[in-house]
C-alpha atoms as a PDB file:
ATOM      1  CA  UNK A   1       0.016   0.012   0.004  1.00  0.00           C
ATOM      2  CA  UNK A   2       2.735   2.443   0.926  1.00  0.00           C
ATOM      3  CA  UNK A   3       4.583   1.533  -2.194  1.00  0.00           C
ATOM      4  CA  UNK A   4       1.540   2.289  -4.396  1.00  0.00           C
ATOM      5  CA  UNK A   5       1.018   5.660  -2.703  1.00  0.00           C
ATOM      6  CA  UNK A   6       4.754   6.564  -3.244  1.00  0.00           C
ATOM      7  CA  UNK A   7       4.503   5.513  -6.890  1.00  0.00           C
ATOM      8  CA  UNK A   8       1.271   7.571  -7.330  1.00  0.00           C
ATOM      9  CA  UNK A   9       2.913  10.594  -5.585  1.00  0.00           C
ATOM     10  CA  UNK A  10       6.068  10.366  -7.857  1.00  0.00           C
ATOM     11  CA  UNK A  11       3.776  10.102 -10.966  1.00  0.00           C
ATOM     12  CA  UNK A  12       1.993  13.356  -9.940  1.00  0.00           C
ATOM     13  CA  UNK A  13       5.296  15.017  -9.288  1.00  0.00           C
ATOM     14  CA  UNK A  14       6.655  13.953 -12.679  1.00  0.00           C
ATOM     15  CA  UNK A  15       3.461  15.343 -14.316  1.00  0.00           C
ATOM     16  CA  UNK A  16       3.767  18.565 -12.412  1.00  0.00           C
ATOM     17  CA  UNK A  17       7.445  18.913 -13.309  1.00  0.00           C
ATOM     18  CA  UNK A  18       6.547  18.352 -17.005  1.00  0.00           C
ATOM     19  CA  UNK A  19       3.840  20.974 -16.922  1.00  0.00           C
ATOM     20  CA  UNK A  20       6.149  23.472 -15.177  1.00  0.00           C
ATOM     21  CA  UNK A  21       8.906  22.728 -17.726  1.00  0.00           C
ATOM     22  CA  UNK A  22       6.470  23.026 -20.595  1.00  0.00           C
ATOM     23  CA  UNK A  23       5.156  26.371 -19.374  1.00  0.00           C
ATOM     24  CA  UNK A  24       8.628  27.649 -18.836  1.00  0.00           C
ATOM     25  CA  UNK A  25       9.487  26.645 -22.421  1.00  0.00           C
ATOM     26  CA  UNK A  26       6.453  28.534 -23.761  1.00  0.00           C
ATOM     27  CA  UNK A  27       7.303  31.576 -21.747  1.00  0.00           C
ATOM     28  CA  UNK A  28      10.903  31.415 -23.015  1.00  0.00           C
ATOM     29  CA  UNK A  29       9.620  31.329 -26.630  1.00  0.00           C
ATOM     30  CA  UNK A  30       7.466  34.301 -25.968  1.00  0.00           C
ATOM     31  CA  UNK A  31      10.366  36.147 -24.331  1.00  0.00           C
ATOM     32  CA  UNK A  32      12.407  35.555 -27.433  1.00  0.00           C
ATOM     33  CA  UNK A  33      10.380  38.009 -29.524  1.00  0.00           C
ATOM     34  CA  UNK A  34       7.733  40.055 -27.710  1.00  0.00           C
ATOM     35  CA  UNK A  35       7.106  42.449 -30.623  1.00  0.00           C
ATOM     36  CA  UNK A  36       9.010  45.342 -32.137  1.00  0.00           C
ATOM     37  CA  UNK A  37      10.907  47.344 -29.506  1.00  0.00           C
ATOM     38  CA  UNK A  38      10.736  51.030 -28.769  1.00  0.00           C
ATOM     39  CA  UNK A  39      13.645  52.975 -30.439  1.00  0.00           C
ATOM     40  CA  UNK A  40      15.291  55.905 -28.727  1.00  0.00           C
ATOM     41  CA  UNK A  41      14.706  59.218 -30.522  1.00  0.00           C
ATOM     42  CA  UNK A  42      18.185  60.612 -29.989  1.00  0.00           C
ATOM     43  CA  UNK A  43      21.653  59.131 -29.311  1.00  0.00           C
ATOM     44  CA  UNK A  44      25.294  60.283 -29.115  1.00  0.00           C
ATOM     45  CA  UNK A  45      26.240  57.598 -31.612  1.00  0.00           C
ATOM     46  CA  UNK A  46      24.574  55.096 -34.034  1.00  0.00           C
ATOM     47  CA  UNK A  47      24.910  52.177 -31.673  1.00  0.00           C
ATOM     48  CA  UNK A  48      22.435  53.824 -29.317  1.00  0.00           C
ATOM     49  CA  UNK A  49      19.627  53.122 -31.777  1.00  0.00           C
ATOM     50  CA  UNK A  50      20.253  49.376 -31.705  1.00  0.00           C
ATOM     51  CA  UNK A  51      17.961  47.635 -29.233  1.00  0.00           C
ATOM     52  CA  UNK A  52      19.337  44.811 -27.072  1.00  0.00           C
ATOM     53  CA  UNK A  53      19.454  41.568 -28.894  1.00  0.00           C
ATOM     54  CA  UNK A  54      19.132  43.073 -32.428  1.00  0.00           C
ATOM     55  CA  UNK A  55      21.803  43.092 -35.076  1.00  0.00           C
ATOM     56  CA  UNK A  56      22.604  45.275 -38.072  1.00  0.00           C
ATOM     57  CA  UNK A  57      21.767  43.496 -41.364  1.00  0.00           C
ATOM     58  CA  UNK A  58      22.383  46.393 -43.759  1.00  0.00           C
ATOM     59  CA  UNK A  59      23.742  49.929 -43.285  1.00  0.00           C
ATOM     60  CA  UNK A  60      24.571  52.934 -45.439  1.00  0.00           C
ATOM     61  CA  UNK A  61      26.028  56.316 -44.719  1.00  0.00           C
ATOM     62  CA  UNK A  62      25.290  59.433 -46.833  1.00  0.00           C
ATOM     63  CA  UNK A  63      24.218  63.068 -46.556  1.00  0.00           C
ATOM     64  CA  UNK A  64      20.540  62.219 -46.975  1.00  0.00           C
ATOM     65  CA  UNK A  65      19.041  65.489 -45.866  1.00  0.00           C
ATOM     66  CA  UNK A  66      21.562  67.747 -47.668  1.00  0.00           C
ATOM     67  CA  UNK A  67      22.975  69.524 -44.577  1.00  0.00           C
ATOM     68  CA  UNK A  68      26.558  68.531 -45.262  1.00  0.00           C
ATOM     69  CA  UNK A  69      26.804  65.905 -42.564  1.00  0.00           C
ATOM     70  CA  UNK A  70      26.759  62.108 -42.731  1.00  0.00           C
ATOM     71  CA  UNK A  71      23.435  60.335 -41.910  1.00  0.00           C
ATOM     72  CA  UNK A  72      22.626  56.625 -41.665  1.00  0.00           C
ATOM     73  CA  UNK A  73      20.132  54.185 -43.002  1.00  0.00           C
ATOM     74  CA  UNK A  74      20.021  50.939 -40.950  1.00  0.00           C
ATOM     75  CA  UNK A  75      18.140  47.707 -41.417  1.00  0.00           C
ATOM     76  CA  UNK A  76      18.262  45.809 -38.084  1.00  0.00           C
ATOM     77  CA  UNK A  77      17.258  42.235 -37.566  1.00  0.00           C
ATOM     78  CA  UNK A  78      16.128  40.060 -34.699  1.00  0.00           C
ATOM     79  CA  UNK A  79      18.533  37.024 -34.767  1.00  0.00           C
ATOM     80  CA  UNK A  80      15.866  34.386 -34.150  1.00  0.00           C
ATOM     81  CA  UNK A  81      13.257  33.389 -36.759  1.00  0.00           C
ATOM     82  CA  UNK A  82       9.596  33.668 -35.854  1.00  0.00           C
ATOM     83  CA  UNK A  83       6.516  32.085 -37.531  1.00  0.00           C
ATOM     84  CA  UNK A  84       4.889  34.201 -40.159  1.00  0.00           C
ATOM     85  CA  UNK A  85       1.629  33.919 -42.002  1.00  0.00           C
ATOM     86  CA  UNK A  86       0.675  30.576 -43.518  1.00  0.00           C
ATOM     87  CA  UNK A  87       1.928  30.104 -47.044  1.00  0.00           C
ATOM     88  CA  UNK A  88      -0.355  28.991 -49.852  1.00  0.00           C
ATOM     89  CA  UNK A  89       0.676  27.329 -53.151  1.00  0.00           C
ATOM     90  CA  UNK A  90       0.636  29.484 -56.280  1.00  0.00           C
ATOM     91  CA  UNK A  91      -2.075  29.033 -58.862  1.00  0.00           C
ATOM     92  CA  UNK A  92      -1.776  25.816 -60.828  1.00  0.00           C
ATOM     93  CA  UNK A  93       0.825  24.513 -58.364  1.00  0.00           C
ATOM     94  CA  UNK A  94       0.831  20.683 -57.731  1.00  0.00           C
ATOM     95  CA  UNK A  95       2.148  21.233 -54.219  1.00  0.00           C
ATOM     96  CA  UNK A  96      -0.343  19.993 -51.593  1.00  0.00           C
ATOM     97  CA  UNK A  97      -0.009  19.854 -47.830  1.00  0.00           C
ATOM     98  CA  UNK A  98      -2.320  18.463 -45.187  1.00  0.00           C
ATOM     99  CA  UNK A  99      -1.474  21.450 -43.019  1.00  0.00           C
ATOM    100  CA  UNK A 100      -0.660  24.960 -44.134  1.00  0.00           C
ATOM    101  CA  UNK A 101       3.077  25.507 -44.494  1.00  0.00           C
ATOM    102  CA  UNK A 102       4.140  28.319 -42.130  1.00  0.00           C
ATOM    103  CA  UNK A 103       7.012  30.557 -43.330  1.00  0.00           C
ATOM    104  CA  UNK A 104       9.624  31.558 -40.678  1.00  0.00           C
ATOM    105  CA  UNK A 105      11.402  34.894 -41.027  1.00  0.00           C
ATOM    106  CA  UNK A 106      13.509  37.317 -39.069  1.00  0.00           C
ATOM    107  CA  UNK A 107      11.626  40.484 -37.893  1.00  0.00           C
ATOM    108  CA  UNK A 108      13.335  43.574 -39.326  1.00  0.00           C
ATOM    109  CA  UNK A 109      13.198  47.334 -38.750  1.00  0.00           C
ATOM    110  CA  UNK A 110      14.175  50.143 -41.064  1.00  0.00           C
ATOM    111  CA  UNK A 111      15.728  53.074 -39.251  1.00  0.00           C
ATOM    112  CA  UNK A 112      16.881  56.284 -40.736  1.00  0.00           C
ATOM    113  CA  UNK A 113      18.894  58.617 -38.402  1.00  0.00           C
ATOM    114  CA  UNK A 114      20.156  62.149 -39.169  1.00  0.00           C
ATOM    115  CA  UNK A 115      23.167  63.865 -37.744  1.00  0.00           C
ATOM    116  CA  UNK A 116      22.324  66.720 -35.362  1.00  0.00           C
ATOM    117  CA  UNK A 117      25.030  69.480 -35.669  1.00  0.00           C
ATOM    118  CA  UNK A 118      24.015  71.384 -32.433  1.00  0.00           C
ATOM    119  CA  UNK A 119      24.519  68.358 -30.180  1.00  0.00           C
ATOM    120  CA  UNK A 120      26.997  66.329 -32.178  1.00  0.00           C
ATOM    121  CA  UNK A 121      24.705  63.343 -31.942  1.00  0.00           C
ATOM    122  CA  UNK A 122      21.957  61.839 -33.986  1.00  0.00           C
ATOM    123  CA  UNK A 123      18.189  61.787 -34.030  1.00  0.00           C
ATOM    124  CA  UNK A 124      15.684  59.326 -35.400  1.00  0.00           C
ATOM    125  CA  UNK A 125      14.058  60.527 -38.668  1.00  0.00           C
ATOM    126  CA  UNK A 126      12.132  57.421 -39.861  1.00  0.00           C
ATOM    127  CA  UNK A 127      11.229  54.120 -38.360  1.00  0.00           C
ATOM    128  CA  UNK A 128       9.375  51.324 -40.276  1.00  0.00           C
ATOM    129  CA  UNK A 129       8.292  48.142 -38.597  1.00  0.00           C
ATOM    130  CA  UNK A 130       7.542  44.955 -40.478  1.00  0.00           C
ATOM    131  CA  UNK A 131      10.079  46.110 -43.005  1.00  0.00           C
ATOM    132  CA  UNK A 132      10.241  42.658 -44.649  1.00  0.00           C
ATOM    133  CA  UNK A 133       7.863  39.760 -43.963  1.00  0.00           C
ATOM    134  CA  UNK A 134       7.146  36.603 -45.970  1.00  0.00           C
ATOM    135  CA  UNK A 135       4.814  36.471 -48.936  1.00  0.00           C
ATOM    136  CA  UNK A 136       1.995  33.978 -49.175  1.00  0.00           C
ATOM    137  CA  UNK A 137       3.615  31.755 -51.745  1.00  0.00           C
ATOM    138  CA  UNK A 138       6.493  29.339 -51.274  1.00  0.00           C
ATOM    139  CA  UNK A 139       7.528  28.778 -54.815  1.00  0.00           C
ATOM    140  CA  UNK A 140       8.720  32.374 -55.094  1.00  0.00           C
ATOM    141  CA  UNK A 141      11.278  33.934 -52.702  1.00  0.00           C
ATOM    142  CA  UNK A 142      13.471  37.015 -52.303  1.00  0.00           C
ATOM    143  CA  UNK A 143      15.538  39.141 -49.975  1.00  0.00           C
ATOM    144  CA  UNK A 144      16.907  42.594 -49.541  1.00  0.00           C
ATOM    145  CA  UNK A 145      20.145  42.479 -51.491  1.00  0.00           C
ATOM    146  CA  UNK A 146      21.625  45.888 -50.493  1.00  0.00           C
ATOM    147  CA  UNK A 147      21.213  49.433 -49.509  1.00  0.00           C
ATOM    148  CA  UNK A 148      23.434  51.984 -51.155  1.00  0.00           C
ATOM    149  CA  UNK A 149      23.572  55.675 -52.011  1.00  0.00           C
ATOM    150  CA  UNK A 150      23.413  57.545 -55.246  1.00  0.00           C
ATOM    151  CA  UNK A 151      25.428  60.721 -55.507  1.00  0.00           C
ATOM    152  CA  UNK A 152      25.979  60.511 -51.733  1.00  0.00           C
ATOM    153  CA  UNK A 153      22.501  61.840 -51.156  1.00  0.00           C
ATOM    154  CA  UNK A 154      19.768  59.596 -52.611  1.00  0.00           C
ATOM    155  CA  UNK A 155      18.982  56.251 -50.977  1.00  0.00           C
ATOM    156  CA  UNK A 156      18.621  53.069 -53.042  1.00  0.00           C
ATOM    157  CA  UNK A 157      17.047  49.774 -51.909  1.00  0.00           C
ATOM    158  CA  UNK A 158      17.639  46.683 -54.057  1.00  0.00           C
ATOM    159  CA  UNK A 159      15.644  43.466 -53.682  1.00  0.00           C
ATOM    160  CA  UNK A 160      16.479  40.154 -55.333  1.00  0.00           C
ATOM    161  CA  UNK A 161      13.520  38.067 -56.293  1.00  0.00           C
ATOM    162  CA  UNK A 162      13.539  34.452 -57.598  1.00  0.00           C
ATOM    163  CA  UNK A 163      10.639  32.752 -59.225  1.00  0.00           C
ATOM    164  CA  UNK A 164      11.048  28.971 -58.562  1.00  0.00           C
ATOM    165  CA  UNK A 165      13.298  26.981 -56.291  1.00  0.00           C
ATOM    166  CA  UNK A 166      16.676  27.148 -58.005  1.00  0.00           C
ATOM    167  CA  UNK A 167      19.155  29.670 -59.434  1.00  0.00           C
ATOM    168  CA  UNK A 168      18.137  28.453 -63.014  1.00  0.00           C
ATOM    169  CA  UNK A 169      14.688  30.103 -62.525  1.00  0.00           C
ATOM    170  CA  UNK A 170      13.812  33.710 -63.262  1.00  0.00           C
ATOM    171  CA  UNK A 171      15.911  36.191 -61.273  1.00  0.00           C
ATOM    172  CA  UNK A 172      14.873  39.822 -60.903  1.00  0.00           C
ATOM    173  CA  UNK A 173      16.485  42.785 -59.138  1.00  0.00           C
ATOM    174  CA  UNK A 174      13.948  45.373 -58.106  1.00  0.00           C
ATOM    175  CA  UNK A 175      15.350  48.728 -56.966  1.00  0.00           C
ATOM    176  CA  UNK A 176      13.946  52.005 -55.555  1.00  0.00           C
ATOM    177  CA  UNK A 177      15.755  55.348 -55.300  1.00  0.00           C
ATOM    178  CA  UNK A 178      14.456  57.927 -52.776  1.00  0.00           C
ATOM    179  CA  UNK A 179      15.398  61.565 -52.248  1.00  0.00           C
ATOM    180  CA  UNK A 180      14.783  63.521 -49.024  1.00  0.00           C
ATOM    181  CA  UNK A 181      12.607  66.512 -50.039  1.00  0.00           C
ATOM    182  CA  UNK A 182      10.381  68.796 -47.980  1.00  0.00           C
ATOM    183  CA  UNK A 183      10.829  66.753 -44.816  1.00  0.00           C
ATOM    184  CA  UNK A 184       9.976  63.375 -46.272  1.00  0.00           C
ATOM    185  CA  UNK A 185      11.478  60.726 -48.481  1.00  0.00           C
ATOM    186  CA  UNK A 186      10.028  60.569 -52.064  1.00  0.00           C
ATOM    187  CA  UNK A 187      10.413  57.830 -54.572  1.00  0.00           C
ATOM    188  CA  UNK A 188      12.045  59.406 -57.636  1.00  0.00           C
ATOM    189  CA  UNK A 189      12.978  56.327 -59.642  1.00  0.00           C
ATOM    190  CA  UNK A 190      12.426  52.554 -59.603  1.00  0.00           C
ATOM    191  CA  UNK A 191      13.472  49.769 -61.920  1.00  0.00           C
ATOM    192  CA  UNK A 192      13.409  46.039 -62.707  1.00  0.00           C
ATOM    193  CA  UNK A 193      16.458  44.171 -63.922  1.00  0.00           C
ATOM    194  CA  UNK A 194      15.140  40.917 -65.275  1.00  0.00           C
ATOM    195  CA  UNK A 195      18.309  38.928 -65.276  1.00  0.00           C
ATOM    196  CA  UNK A 196      16.836  35.955 -67.172  1.00  0.00           C
ATOM    197  CA  UNK A 197      16.326  32.250 -66.553  1.00  0.00           C
ATOM    198  CA  UNK A 198      14.220  29.428 -67.825  1.00  0.00           C
ATOM    199  CA  UNK A 199      11.128  31.702 -67.938  1.00  0.00           C
ATOM    200  CA  UNK A 200      12.369  34.752 -69.809  1.00  0.00           C
ATOM    201  CA  UNK A 201      15.424  36.405 -71.441  1.00  0.00           C
ATOM    202  CA  UNK A 202      17.131  39.337 -69.737  1.00  0.00           C
ATOM    203  CA  UNK A 203      15.491  42.748 -70.133  1.00  0.00           C
ATOM    204  CA  UNK A 204      15.403  46.009 -68.074  1.00  0.00           C
ATOM    205  CA  UNK A 205      12.862  48.658 -67.132  1.00  0.00           C
ATOM    206  CA  UNK A 206      13.261  51.984 -65.439  1.00  0.00           C
ATOM    207  CA  UNK A 207      10.495  54.325 -64.309  1.00  0.00           C
ATOM    208  CA  UNK A 208      11.448  57.904 -63.585  1.00  0.00           C
ATOM    209  CA  UNK A 209       8.879  59.843 -61.485  1.00  0.00           C
ATOM    210  CA  UNK A 210      10.628  63.226 -61.936  1.00  0.00           C
ATOM    211  CA  UNK A 211      10.845  63.094 -65.734  1.00  0.00           C
ATOM    212  CA  UNK A 212       7.651  61.072 -66.287  1.00  0.00           C
ATOM    213  CA  UNK A 213       9.398  58.489 -68.488  1.00  0.00           C
ATOM    214  CA  UNK A 214       9.423  54.627 -68.649  1.00  0.00           C
ATOM    215  CA  UNK A 215      12.446  53.237 -70.427  1.00  0.00           C
ATOM    216  CA  UNK A 216      12.931  49.573 -71.462  1.00  0.00           C
ATOM    217  CA  UNK A 217      15.870  47.662 -72.938  1.00  0.00           C
ATOM    218  CA  UNK A 218      17.047  44.154 -73.607  1.00  0.00           C
ATOM    219  CA  UNK A 219      20.820  45.005 -73.548  1.00  0.00           C
ATOM    220  CA  UNK A 220      21.244  48.248 -71.507  1.00  0.00           C
ATOM    221  CA  UNK A 221      22.625  49.866 -74.728  1.00  0.00           C
ATOM    222  CA  UNK A 222      19.566  50.746 -76.726  1.00  0.00           C
ATOM    223  CA  UNK A 223      16.441  51.985 -74.977  1.00  0.00           C
ATOM    224  CA  UNK A 224      12.773  52.485 -75.919  1.00  0.00           C
ATOM    225  CA  UNK A 225      11.000  55.297 -74.071  1.00  0.00           C
ATOM    226  CA  UNK A 226       7.459  56.204 -73.296  1.00  0.00           C
ATOM    227  CA  UNK A 227       5.962  58.923 -71.191  1.00  0.00           C
ATOM    228  CA  UNK A 228       3.332  59.035 -68.471  1.00  0.00           C
ATOM    229  CA  UNK A 229       1.641  61.642 -66.293  1.00  0.00           C
ATOM    230  CA  UNK A 230       3.734  62.139 -63.163  1.00  0.00           C
ATOM    231  CA  UNK A 231       1.994  60.975 -60.051  1.00  0.00           C
ATOM    232  CA  UNK A 232       2.126  62.276 -56.478  1.00  0.00           C
ATOM    233  CA  UNK A 233       5.393  60.852 -55.220  1.00  0.00           C
ATOM    234  CA  UNK A 234       5.364  57.634 -53.152  1.00  0.00           C
ATOM    235  CA  UNK A 235       6.914  57.645 -49.784  1.00  0.00           C
ATOM    236  CA  UNK A 236       8.921  54.884 -48.124  1.00  0.00           C
ATOM    237  CA  UNK A 237       5.758  52.832 -47.905  1.00  0.00           C
ATOM    238  CA  UNK A 238       6.383  51.823 -51.565  1.00  0.00           C
ATOM    239  CA  UNK A 239       9.481  49.933 -50.539  1.00  0.00           C
ATOM    240  CA  UNK A 240       7.686  48.377 -47.525  1.00  0.00           C
ATOM    241  CA  UNK A 241       4.739  47.161 -49.698  1.00  0.00           C
ATOM    242  CA  UNK A 242       7.099  45.639 -52.256  1.00  0.00           C
ATOM    243  CA  UNK A 243       9.159  44.093 -49.504  1.00  0.00           C
ATOM    244  CA  UNK A 244       6.116  42.421 -48.034  1.00  0.00           C
ATOM    245  CA  UNK A 245       5.631  40.543 -51.263  1.00  0.00           C
ATOM    246  CA  UNK A 246       8.946  38.726 -50.761  1.00  0.00           C
ATOM    247  CA  UNK A 247       9.522  35.848 -48.422  1.00  0.00           C
ATOM    248  CA  UNK A 248      12.889  35.857 -46.572  1.00  0.00           C
ATOM    249  CA  UNK A 249      15.347  33.402 -45.219  1.00  0.00           C
ATOM    250  CA  UNK A 250      15.159  29.983 -46.753  1.00  0.00           C
ATOM    251  CA  UNK A 251      18.557  29.270 -45.213  1.00  0.00           C
ATOM    252  CA  UNK A 252      20.208  32.176 -47.103  1.00  0.00           C
END
């Protein structure tokens, strides 16, 4: 009798220990990424804008606001992947799953900080959360290739997009050039470099919002041009929307 009581007690203790361990594990997962952090608005140096646990994925220095001092654009990344939205097969795909395929991705933030001459420090000019999140298809994938400057003033984002599951499929570089004008970033030019693959030969397309022109080429030597009525300039949300169409991090 005493033995059965002891065994029963130990069984309860093991179950209790398992439940505590399981809850601790769940809490640890939640603690890994509890949402996008608050970013300080001013700092003596660039490192002050980097929240604890986050890393710099891309960075670029240029005189973005035209005051003669160096400013920074930063894409910062949470090091652990988190589950995103369920993916769905593209139209006509033969891929089938009993359960939705969940894409995992690294949360990212886009930060733009300007130099502040009176204090010698920096202040936060732009912050965009959900900078890049997965798309809803898993036969297409892409990533932010680079951030660079044009003429040491304009800001250029380049995304690489691949249709298919190998480097032999269609590869496209999509890029967006912004200038800082009247206290906001405006999209002045965007382009697509279709680098070719099994689906299409290489060709190129550039849309200039300042001149109202669309230029296309197959060799970057001879161009065909058409005009369009200039629209109200897009802000940085144009890049964010395009970025949201591209899944990230399939082991890249």
